[in-house]
Amino acid sequence: MSIIGTIIVGLIVGLIARAIKPGNDSMGWIMTILLGIAGSFVATYLGTAMGWYRAGEAAGWIASVIGAIIVLFIYGFIRSKTQG
């Protein structure tokens, strides 16, 4: 997938993850895109480690959203620790 395609998928996955996860996640577009891309990487890595995907195979949409939600929870946890 091209860089532009990866950014677009990351944006969509990040927006879906932010809509699903409860709570106030105030972050900009760049952070949303990075969250979505990181979620896709997390889902791909975990899926490969658990034998769901072959090496070099990308995770699907649902797995990417779940990965982004995991990253969003970790981000929120780290952010709350550094602010207070």
PDB file of N, CA and C in Angstrom:
ATOM      1  N   MET A   1       0.846  -1.172   0.000  1.00  0.00           N
ATOM      2  CA  MET A   1       0.000   0.000   0.000  1.00  0.00           C
ATOM      3  C   MET A   1       0.887   1.227   0.000  1.00  0.00           C
ATOM      4  N   SER A   2       0.465   2.252  -0.682  1.00  0.00           N
ATOM      5  CA  SER A   2       1.255   3.476  -0.765  1.00  0.00           C
ATOM      6  C   SER A   2       1.177   4.253   0.549  1.00  0.00           C
ATOM      7  N   ILE A   3       2.029   5.238   0.661  1.00  0.00           N
ATOM      8  CA  ILE A   3       2.048   6.087   1.860  1.00  0.00           C
ATOM      9  C   ILE A   3       0.718   6.825   2.009  1.00  0.00           C
ATOM     10  N   ILE A   4       0.207   7.370   0.918  1.00  0.00           N
ATOM     11  CA  ILE A   4      -1.074   8.099   0.962  1.00  0.00           C
ATOM     12  C   ILE A   4      -2.191   7.146   1.382  1.00  0.00           C
ATOM     13  N   GLY A   5      -2.201   5.946   0.848  1.00  0.00           N
ATOM     14  CA  GLY A   5      -3.205   4.956   1.223  1.00  0.00           C
ATOM     15  C   GLY A   5      -3.117   4.595   2.690  1.00  0.00           C
ATOM     16  N   THR A   6      -1.906   4.445   3.195  1.00  0.00           N
ATOM     17  CA  THR A   6      -1.695   4.127   4.600  1.00  0.00           C
ATOM     18  C   THR A   6      -2.202   5.254   5.492  1.00  0.00           C
ATOM     19  N   ILE A   7      -1.959   6.488   5.102  1.00  0.00           N
ATOM     20  CA  ILE A   7      -2.427   7.635   5.882  1.00  0.00           C
ATOM     21  C   ILE A   7      -3.955   7.690   5.890  1.00  0.00           C
ATOM     22  N   ILE A   8      -4.578   7.448   4.750  1.00  0.00           N
ATOM     23  CA  ILE A   8      -6.042   7.483   4.673  1.00  0.00           C
ATOM     24  C   ILE A   8      -6.650   6.369   5.525  1.00  0.00           C
ATOM     25  N   VAL A   9      -6.100   5.167   5.414  1.00  0.00           N
ATOM     26  CA  VAL A   9      -6.592   4.052   6.238  1.00  0.00           C
ATOM     27  C   VAL A   9      -6.366   4.358   7.715  1.00  0.00           C
ATOM     28  N   GLY A  10      -5.204   4.910   8.049  1.00  0.00           N
ATOM     29  CA  GLY A  10      -4.913   5.279   9.439  1.00  0.00           C
ATOM     30  C   GLY A  10      -5.893   6.302   9.975  1.00  0.00           C
ATOM     31  N   LEU A  11      -6.261   7.272   9.158  1.00  0.00           N
ATOM     32  CA  LEU A  11      -7.229   8.286   9.576  1.00  0.00           C
ATOM     33  C   LEU A  11      -8.587   7.649   9.846  1.00  0.00           C
ATOM     34  N   ILE A  12      -9.034   6.802   8.946  1.00  0.00           N
ATOM     35  CA  ILE A  12     -10.345   6.163   9.100  1.00  0.00           C
ATOM     36  C   ILE A  12     -10.359   5.255  10.328  1.00  0.00           C
ATOM     37  N   VAL A  13      -9.323   4.444  10.477  1.00  0.00           N
ATOM     38  CA  VAL A  13      -9.243   3.539  11.621  1.00  0.00           C
ATOM     39  C   VAL A  13      -9.160   4.335  12.922  1.00  0.00           C
ATOM     40  N   GLY A  14      -8.375   5.396  12.943  1.00  0.00           N
ATOM     41  CA  GLY A  14      -8.261   6.241  14.137  1.00  0.00           C
ATOM     42  C   GLY A  14      -9.574   6.895  14.515  1.00  0.00           C
ATOM     43  N   LEU A  15     -10.305   7.394  13.518  1.00  0.00           N
ATOM     44  CA  LEU A  15     -11.606   8.015  13.799  1.00  0.00           C
ATOM     45  C   LEU A  15     -12.602   6.996  14.348  1.00  0.00           C
ATOM     46  N   ILE A  16     -12.622   5.808  13.758  1.00  0.00           N
ATOM     47  CA  ILE A  16     -13.532   4.765  14.243  1.00  0.00           C
ATOM     48  C   ILE A  16     -13.177   4.375  15.675  1.00  0.00           C
ATOM     49  N   ALA A  17     -11.888   4.220  15.958  1.00  0.00           N
ATOM     50  CA  ALA A  17     -11.455   3.844  17.311  1.00  0.00           C
ATOM     51  C   ALA A  17     -11.829   4.920  18.323  1.00  0.00           C
ATOM     52  N   ARG A  18     -11.656   6.185  17.956  1.00  0.00           N
ATOM     53  CA  ARG A  18     -12.016   7.271  18.868  1.00  0.00           C
ATOM     54  C   ARG A  18     -13.515   7.336  19.091  1.00  0.00           C
ATOM     55  N   ALA A  19     -14.301   6.971  18.083  1.00  0.00           N
ATOM     56  CA  ALA A  19     -15.760   6.985  18.227  1.00  0.00           C
ATOM     57  C   ALA A  19     -16.245   5.831  19.102  1.00  0.00           C
ATOM     58  N   ILE A  20     -15.566   4.691  19.046  1.00  0.00           N
ATOM     59  CA  ILE A  20     -15.985   3.511  19.810  1.00  0.00           C
ATOM     60  C   ILE A  20     -15.580   3.619  21.271  1.00  0.00           C
ATOM     61  N   LYS A  21     -14.357   4.094  21.532  1.00  0.00           N
ATOM     62  CA  LYS A  21     -13.857   4.142  22.906  1.00  0.00           C
ATOM     63  C   LYS A  21     -14.571   5.253  23.681  1.00  0.00           C
ATOM     64  N   PRO A  22     -15.107   4.917  24.859  1.00  0.00           N
ATOM     65  CA  PRO A  22     -15.777   5.953  25.653  1.00  0.00           C
ATOM     66  C   PRO A  22     -14.778   6.920  26.263  1.00  0.00           C
ATOM     67  N   GLY A  23     -15.245   8.111  26.550  1.00  0.00           N
ATOM     68  CA  GLY A  23     -14.401   9.117  27.181  1.00  0.00           C
ATOM     69  C   GLY A  23     -14.021  10.213  26.213  1.00  0.00           C
ATOM     70  N   ASN A  24     -13.407  11.256  26.760  1.00  0.00           N
ATOM     71  CA  ASN A  24     -13.000  12.416  25.972  1.00  0.00           C
ATOM     72  C   ASN A  24     -11.550  12.257  25.548  1.00  0.00           C
ATOM     73  N   ASP A  25     -11.329  12.116  24.257  1.00  0.00           N
ATOM     74  CA  ASP A  25      -9.972  12.006  23.711  1.00  0.00           C
ATOM     75  C   ASP A  25      -9.725  13.199  22.810  1.00  0.00           C
ATOM     76  N   SER A  26      -9.278  14.280  23.406  1.00  0.00           N
ATOM     77  CA  SER A  26      -9.036  15.477  22.609  1.00  0.00           C
ATOM     78  C   SER A  26      -7.629  15.410  22.021  1.00  0.00           C
ATOM     79  N   MET A  27      -7.582  15.180  20.706  1.00  0.00           N
ATOM     80  CA  MET A  27      -6.312  15.141  19.986  1.00  0.00           C
ATOM     81  C   MET A  27      -6.569  15.602  18.568  1.00  0.00           C
ATOM     82  N   GLY A  28      -5.539  16.013  17.893  1.00  0.00           N
ATOM     83  CA  GLY A  28      -5.682  16.539  16.544  1.00  0.00           C
ATOM     84  C   GLY A  28      -5.677  15.458  15.478  1.00  0.00           C
ATOM     85  N   TRP A  29      -5.720  15.915  14.236  1.00  0.00           N
ATOM     86  CA  TRP A  29      -5.760  15.018  13.079  1.00  0.00           C
ATOM     87  C   TRP A  29      -4.505  14.170  12.969  1.00  0.00           C
ATOM     88  N   ILE A  30      -3.359  14.782  13.213  1.00  0.00           N
ATOM     89  CA  ILE A  30      -2.089  14.055  13.090  1.00  0.00           C
ATOM     90  C   ILE A  30      -2.045  12.904  14.097  1.00  0.00           C
ATOM     91  N   MET A  31      -2.437  13.176  15.333  1.00  0.00           N
ATOM     92  CA  MET A  31      -2.433  12.140  16.360  1.00  0.00           C
ATOM     93  C   MET A  31      -3.442  11.055  16.023  1.00  0.00           C
ATOM     94  N   THR A  32      -4.588  11.419  15.453  1.00  0.00           N
ATOM     95  CA  THR A  32      -5.590  10.425  15.053  1.00  0.00           C
ATOM     96  C   THR A  32      -5.046   9.511  13.969  1.00  0.00           C
ATOM     97  N   ILE A  33      -4.367  10.089  12.979  1.00  0.00           N
ATOM     98  CA  ILE A  33      -3.765   9.293  11.907  1.00  0.00           C
ATOM     99  C   ILE A  33      -2.692   8.364  12.468  1.00  0.00           C
ATOM    100  N   LEU A  34      -1.827   8.894  13.319  1.00  0.00           N
ATOM    101  CA  LEU A  34      -0.770   8.073  13.913  1.00  0.00           C
ATOM    102  C   LEU A  34      -1.360   6.958  14.776  1.00  0.00           C
ATOM    103  N   LEU A  35      -2.437   7.262  15.489  1.00  0.00           N
ATOM    104  CA  LEU A  35      -3.118   6.253  16.287  1.00  0.00           C
ATOM    105  C   LEU A  35      -3.649   5.129  15.409  1.00  0.00           C
ATOM    106  N   GLY A  36      -4.276   5.479  14.299  1.00  0.00           N
ATOM    107  CA  GLY A  36      -4.809   4.465  13.386  1.00  0.00           C
ATOM    108  C   GLY A  36      -3.723   3.618  12.754  1.00  0.00           C
ATOM    109  N   ILE A  37      -2.647   4.253  12.333  1.00  0.00           N
ATOM    110  CA  ILE A  37      -1.532   3.509  11.738  1.00  0.00           C
ATOM    111  C   ILE A  37      -0.891   2.586  12.776  1.00  0.00           C
ATOM    112  N   ALA A  38      -0.691   3.106  13.989  1.00  0.00           N
ATOM    113  CA  ALA A  38      -0.122   2.272  15.052  1.00  0.00           C
ATOM    114  C   ALA A  38      -1.045   1.105  15.382  1.00  0.00           C
ATOM    115  N   GLY A  39      -2.349   1.348  15.365  1.00  0.00           N
ATOM    116  CA  GLY A  39      -3.308   0.273  15.615  1.00  0.00           C
ATOM    117  C   GLY A  39      -3.220  -0.825  14.573  1.00  0.00           C
ATOM    118  N   SER A  40      -3.036  -0.431  13.324  1.00  0.00           N
ATOM    119  CA  SER A  40      -2.880  -1.426  12.260  1.00  0.00           C
ATOM    120  C   SER A  40      -1.613  -2.242  12.452  1.00  0.00           C
ATOM    121  N   PHE A  41      -0.527  -1.578  12.845  1.00  0.00           N
ATOM    122  CA  PHE A  41       0.720  -2.292  13.099  1.00  0.00           C
ATOM    123  C   PHE A  41       0.575  -3.247  14.278  1.00  0.00           C
ATOM    124  N   VAL A  42      -0.080  -2.804  15.350  1.00  0.00           N
ATOM    125  CA  VAL A  42      -0.285  -3.655  16.520  1.00  0.00           C
ATOM    126  C   VAL A  42      -1.111  -4.876  16.134  1.00  0.00           C
ATOM    127  N   ALA A  43      -2.196  -4.657  15.396  1.00  0.00           N
ATOM    128  CA  ALA A  43      -3.048  -5.774  14.983  1.00  0.00           C
ATOM    129  C   ALA A  43      -2.300  -6.745  14.080  1.00  0.00           C
ATOM    130  N   THR A  44      -1.497  -6.222  13.172  1.00  0.00           N
ATOM    131  CA  THR A  44      -0.725  -7.083  12.287  1.00  0.00           C
ATOM    132  C   THR A  44       0.287  -7.905  13.075  1.00  0.00           C
ATOM    133  N   TYR A  45       0.999  -7.255  13.996  1.00  0.00           N
ATOM    134  CA  TYR A  45       2.005  -7.948  14.790  1.00  0.00           C
ATOM    135  C   TYR A  45       1.362  -9.032  15.659  1.00  0.00           C
ATOM    136  N   LEU A  46       0.291  -8.675  16.382  1.00  0.00           N
ATOM    137  CA  LEU A  46      -0.360  -9.659  17.248  1.00  0.00           C
ATOM    138  C   LEU A  46      -0.975 -10.793  16.439  1.00  0.00           C
ATOM    139  N   GLY A  47      -1.577 -10.461  15.287  1.00  0.00           N
ATOM    140  CA  GLY A  47      -2.162 -11.496  14.438  1.00  0.00           C
ATOM    141  C   GLY A  47      -1.125 -12.452  13.894  1.00  0.00           C
ATOM    142  N   THR A  48       0.037 -11.945  13.529  1.00  0.00           N
ATOM    143  CA  THR A  48       1.123 -12.799  13.047  1.00  0.00           C
ATOM    144  C   THR A  48       1.674 -13.660  14.181  1.00  0.00           C
ATOM    145  N   ALA A  49       1.822 -13.059  15.368  1.00  0.00           N
ATOM    146  CA  ALA A  49       2.352 -13.806  16.511  1.00  0.00           C
ATOM    147  C   ALA A  49       1.406 -14.920  16.943  1.00  0.00           C
ATOM    148  N   MET A  50       0.107 -14.707  16.779  1.00  0.00           N
ATOM    149  CA  MET A  50      -0.871 -15.710  17.203  1.00  0.00           C
ATOM    150  C   MET A  50      -1.242 -16.681  16.077  1.00  0.00           C
ATOM    151  N   GLY A  51      -0.675 -16.475  14.900  1.00  0.00           N
ATOM    152  CA  GLY A  51      -0.908 -17.387  13.795  1.00  0.00           C
ATOM    153  C   GLY A  51      -2.145 -17.089  12.963  1.00  0.00           C
ATOM    154  N   TRP A  52      -2.760 -15.923  13.161  1.00  0.00           N
ATOM    155  CA  TRP A  52      -3.949 -15.557  12.391  1.00  0.00           C
ATOM    156  C   TRP A  52      -3.592 -15.045  11.007  1.00  0.00           C
ATOM    157  N   TYR A  53      -2.420 -14.423  10.880  1.00  0.00           N
ATOM    158  CA  TYR A  53      -1.951 -13.875   9.603  1.00  0.00           C
ATOM    159  C   TYR A  53      -0.597 -14.475   9.277  1.00  0.00           C
ATOM    160  N   ARG A  54      -0.315 -14.591   7.993  1.00  0.00           N
ATOM    161  CA  ARG A  54       1.017 -15.013   7.558  1.00  0.00           C
ATOM    162  C   ARG A  54       1.945 -13.803   7.579  1.00  0.00           C
ATOM    163  N   ALA A  55       3.236 -14.070   7.567  1.00  0.00           N
ATOM    164  CA  ALA A  55       4.217 -12.991   7.547  1.00  0.00           C
ATOM    165  C   ALA A  55       4.021 -12.141   6.286  1.00  0.00           C
ATOM    166  N   GLY A  56       3.979 -10.843   6.452  1.00  0.00           N
ATOM    167  CA  GLY A  56       3.795  -9.928   5.330  1.00  0.00           C
ATOM    168  C   GLY A  56       2.341  -9.636   5.007  1.00  0.00           C
ATOM    169  N   GLU A  57       1.411 -10.319   5.660  1.00  0.00           N
ATOM    170  CA  GLU A  57      -0.017 -10.096   5.421  1.00  0.00           C
ATOM    171  C   GLU A  57      -0.515  -9.028   6.401  1.00  0.00           C
ATOM    172  N   ALA A  58      -1.247  -8.044   5.893  1.00  0.00           N
ATOM    173  CA  ALA A  58      -1.745  -6.953   6.728  1.00  0.00           C
ATOM    174  C   ALA A  58      -3.021  -7.376   7.460  1.00  0.00           C
ATOM    175  N   ALA A  59      -3.267  -6.740   8.575  1.00  0.00           N
ATOM    176  CA  ALA A  59      -4.478  -7.006   9.345  1.00  0.00           C
ATOM    177  C   ALA A  59      -5.681  -6.414   8.642  1.00  0.00           C
ATOM    178  N   GLY A  60      -6.838  -6.931   8.943  1.00  0.00           N
ATOM    179  CA  GLY A  60      -8.077  -6.427   8.368  1.00  0.00           C
ATOM    180  C   GLY A  60      -8.561  -5.179   9.090  1.00  0.00           C
ATOM    181  N   TRP A  61      -9.674  -4.645   8.624  1.00  0.00           N
ATOM    182  CA  TRP A  61     -10.226  -3.415   9.179  1.00  0.00           C
ATOM    183  C   TRP A  61     -10.610  -3.578  10.641  1.00  0.00           C
ATOM    184  N   ILE A  62     -11.329  -4.651  10.957  1.00  0.00           N
ATOM    185  CA  ILE A  62     -11.804  -4.832  12.332  1.00  0.00           C
ATOM    186  C   ILE A  62     -10.623  -5.005  13.280  1.00  0.00           C
ATOM    187  N   ALA A  63      -9.660  -5.815  12.888  1.00  0.00           N
ATOM    188  CA  ALA A  63      -8.473  -6.010  13.725  1.00  0.00           C
ATOM    189  C   ALA A  63      -7.703  -4.703  13.881  1.00  0.00           C
ATOM    190  N   SER A  64      -7.636  -3.892  12.830  1.00  0.00           N
ATOM    191  CA  SER A  64      -6.939  -2.608  12.912  1.00  0.00           C
ATOM    192  C   SER A  64      -7.635  -1.664  13.878  1.00  0.00           C
ATOM    193  N   VAL A  65      -8.960  -1.660  13.862  1.00  0.00           N
ATOM    194  CA  VAL A  65      -9.708  -0.805  14.792  1.00  0.00           C
ATOM    195  C   VAL A  65      -9.485  -1.278  16.224  1.00  0.00           C
ATOM    196  N   ILE A  66      -9.506  -2.590  16.447  1.00  0.00           N
ATOM    197  CA  ILE A  66      -9.247  -3.124  17.791  1.00  0.00           C
ATOM    198  C   ILE A  66      -7.831  -2.761  18.241  1.00  0.00           C
ATOM    199  N   GLY A  67      -6.867  -2.876  17.332  1.00  0.00           N
ATOM    200  CA  GLY A  67      -5.497  -2.475  17.652  1.00  0.00           C
ATOM    201  C   GLY A  67      -5.408  -0.996  17.987  1.00  0.00           C
ATOM    202  N   ALA A  68      -6.150  -0.159  17.252  1.00  0.00           N
ATOM    203  CA  ALA A  68      -6.141   1.280  17.517  1.00  0.00           C
ATOM    204  C   ALA A  68      -6.789   1.597  18.862  1.00  0.00           C
ATOM    205  N   ILE A  69      -7.816   0.855  19.236  1.00  0.00           N
ATOM    206  CA  ILE A  69      -8.434   1.060  20.548  1.00  0.00           C
ATOM    207  C   ILE A  69      -7.447   0.700  21.650  1.00  0.00           C
ATOM    208  N   ILE A  70      -6.695  -0.369  21.459  1.00  0.00           N
ATOM    209  CA  ILE A  70      -5.660  -0.744  22.432  1.00  0.00           C
ATOM    210  C   ILE A  70      -4.624   0.375  22.556  1.00  0.00           C
ATOM    211  N   VAL A  71      -4.171   0.885  21.422  1.00  0.00           N
ATOM    212  CA  VAL A  71      -3.188   1.980  21.429  1.00  0.00           C
ATOM    213  C   VAL A  71      -3.785   3.220  22.084  1.00  0.00           C
ATOM    214  N   LEU A  72      -5.064   3.493  21.843  1.00  0.00           N
ATOM    215  CA  LEU A  72      -5.733   4.650  22.431  1.00  0.00           C
ATOM    216  C   LEU A  72      -5.809   4.533  23.952  1.00  0.00           C
ATOM    217  N   PHE A  73      -6.106   3.340  24.469  1.00  0.00           N
ATOM    218  CA  PHE A  73      -6.112   3.141  25.920  1.00  0.00           C
ATOM    219  C   PHE A  73      -4.713   3.355  26.500  1.00  0.00           C
ATOM    220  N   ILE A  74      -3.693   2.822  25.836  1.00  0.00           N
ATOM    221  CA  ILE A  74      -2.313   3.003  26.314  1.00  0.00           C
ATOM    222  C   ILE A  74      -1.926   4.474  26.270  1.00  0.00           C
ATOM    223  N   TYR A  75      -2.280   5.160  25.199  1.00  0.00           N
ATOM    224  CA  TYR A  75      -1.986   6.592  25.060  1.00  0.00           C
ATOM    225  C   TYR A  75      -2.663   7.388  26.182  1.00  0.00           C
ATOM    226  N   GLY A  76      -3.935   7.088  26.440  1.00  0.00           N
ATOM    227  CA  GLY A  76      -4.662   7.786  27.507  1.00  0.00           C
ATOM    228  C   GLY A  76      -4.063   7.529  28.876  1.00  0.00           C
ATOM    229  N   PHE A  77      -3.624   6.292  29.111  1.00  0.00           N
ATOM    230  CA  PHE A  77      -3.002   5.947  30.382  1.00  0.00           C
ATOM    231  C   PHE A  77      -1.693   6.708  30.568  1.00  0.00           C
ATOM    232  N   ILE A  78      -0.856   6.722  29.560  1.00  0.00           N
ATOM    233  CA  ILE A  78       0.434   7.430  29.641  1.00  0.00           C
ATOM    234  C   ILE A  78       0.211   8.920  29.775  1.00  0.00           C
ATOM    235  N   ARG A  79      -0.748   9.445  29.038  1.00  0.00           N
ATOM    236  CA  ARG A  79      -1.034  10.881  29.088  1.00  0.00           C
ATOM    237  C   ARG A  79      -1.530  11.298  30.470  1.00  0.00           C
ATOM    238  N   SER A  80      -2.373  10.478  31.107  1.00  0.00           N
ATOM    239  CA  SER A  80      -2.881  10.820  32.436  1.00  0.00           C
ATOM    240  C   SER A  80      -1.770  10.754  33.490  1.00  0.00           C
ATOM    241  N   LYS A  81      -0.830   9.832  33.312  1.00  0.00           N
ATOM    242  CA  LYS A  81       0.289   9.713  34.259  1.00  0.00           C
ATOM    243  C   LYS A  81       1.234  10.914  34.176  1.00  0.00           C
ATOM    244  N   THR A  82       1.430  11.448  32.962  1.00  0.00           N
ATOM    245  CA  THR A  82       2.373  12.554  32.803  1.00  0.00           C
ATOM    246  C   THR A  82       1.749  13.885  33.169  1.00  0.00           C
ATOM    247  N   GLN A  83       0.428  13.981  33.152  1.00  0.00           N
ATOM    248  CA  GLN A  83      -0.220  15.261  33.460  1.00  0.00           C
ATOM    249  C   GLN A  83      -0.556  15.414  34.930  1.00  0.00           C
ATOM    250  N   GLY A  84      -0.586  14.360  35.654  1.00  0.00           N
ATOM    251  CA  GLY A  84      -1.033  14.548  37.029  1.00  0.00           C
ATOM    252  C   GLY A  84      -0.341  13.692  37.954  1.00  0.00           C
TER     253      GLY A  84
END
